[in-house]
């Protein structure tokens, strides 16, 4: 199957892109990367590759190195030129850096996501990537695609912790927007108190290829969402299950 994975030119999260790519390709699926302009050589948030504050774990960093050498990553498609009916699934990764605004705020991308959503095929969104689905509108109703869905996203306590842990060194780098991701996602829901799932409080432990105990995802029909890079392995497996179903 073919899975569409849009990304910005820079600052996307290493783990949230590389881990799903690895698990999907290992399972025999094709991952097609899309950027604002076709042929762009995109780059992850470099701070996540250094192993410094909030850095990615060694295994996802190794996957990212392999990803950068893959033909699909070096030949991206342009968002506006996509025919979404050619894809069997859609993955929306996240990231914290300022370069993410190109992707999170793109109206052409929102329109493409809405078109794909109407096909009722598998959609996965993790961390800030949930904002893309929340901001995209159903043209028939004018409401968010997530208006009636159960979802999670980057919880406010995680975003606040990341900001306060890094502000002394990086300023507002990890506050992509003035509003918290959770607040914007909840505002897109009809009944936020029952539709939004924060998940267990977790700041240090992450899920891995062999251990999902610290990971959390929410599945609602053909849509699966997750909170942060620590959920990436379980998130990818849940998305694979939707493709198989």
Foldseek 3Di string as FASTA:
>chain_A
DEEEEEDEQEAFALLLPLQLVVVQVVVPYHYAYEYQAWQRQHYHHVVLLVPPVVHDDPVSNVSSVVVSPDPRNRTHHHLQPDDLVVHQEYEFGGGQFLRRCRVLVDPSNLASVLVNVVVLGAYEYEASSVSSQLPRANVVPRAGNCAAAAFEHADPVQLVVSCVVCCVPVNCRRVNDPDDSLVSSLVRYNHSVPRYDHDDDDHPAAADLVGCPRFDWDDDRSYIYGYDSSNNNVRSVVNVVRSVD
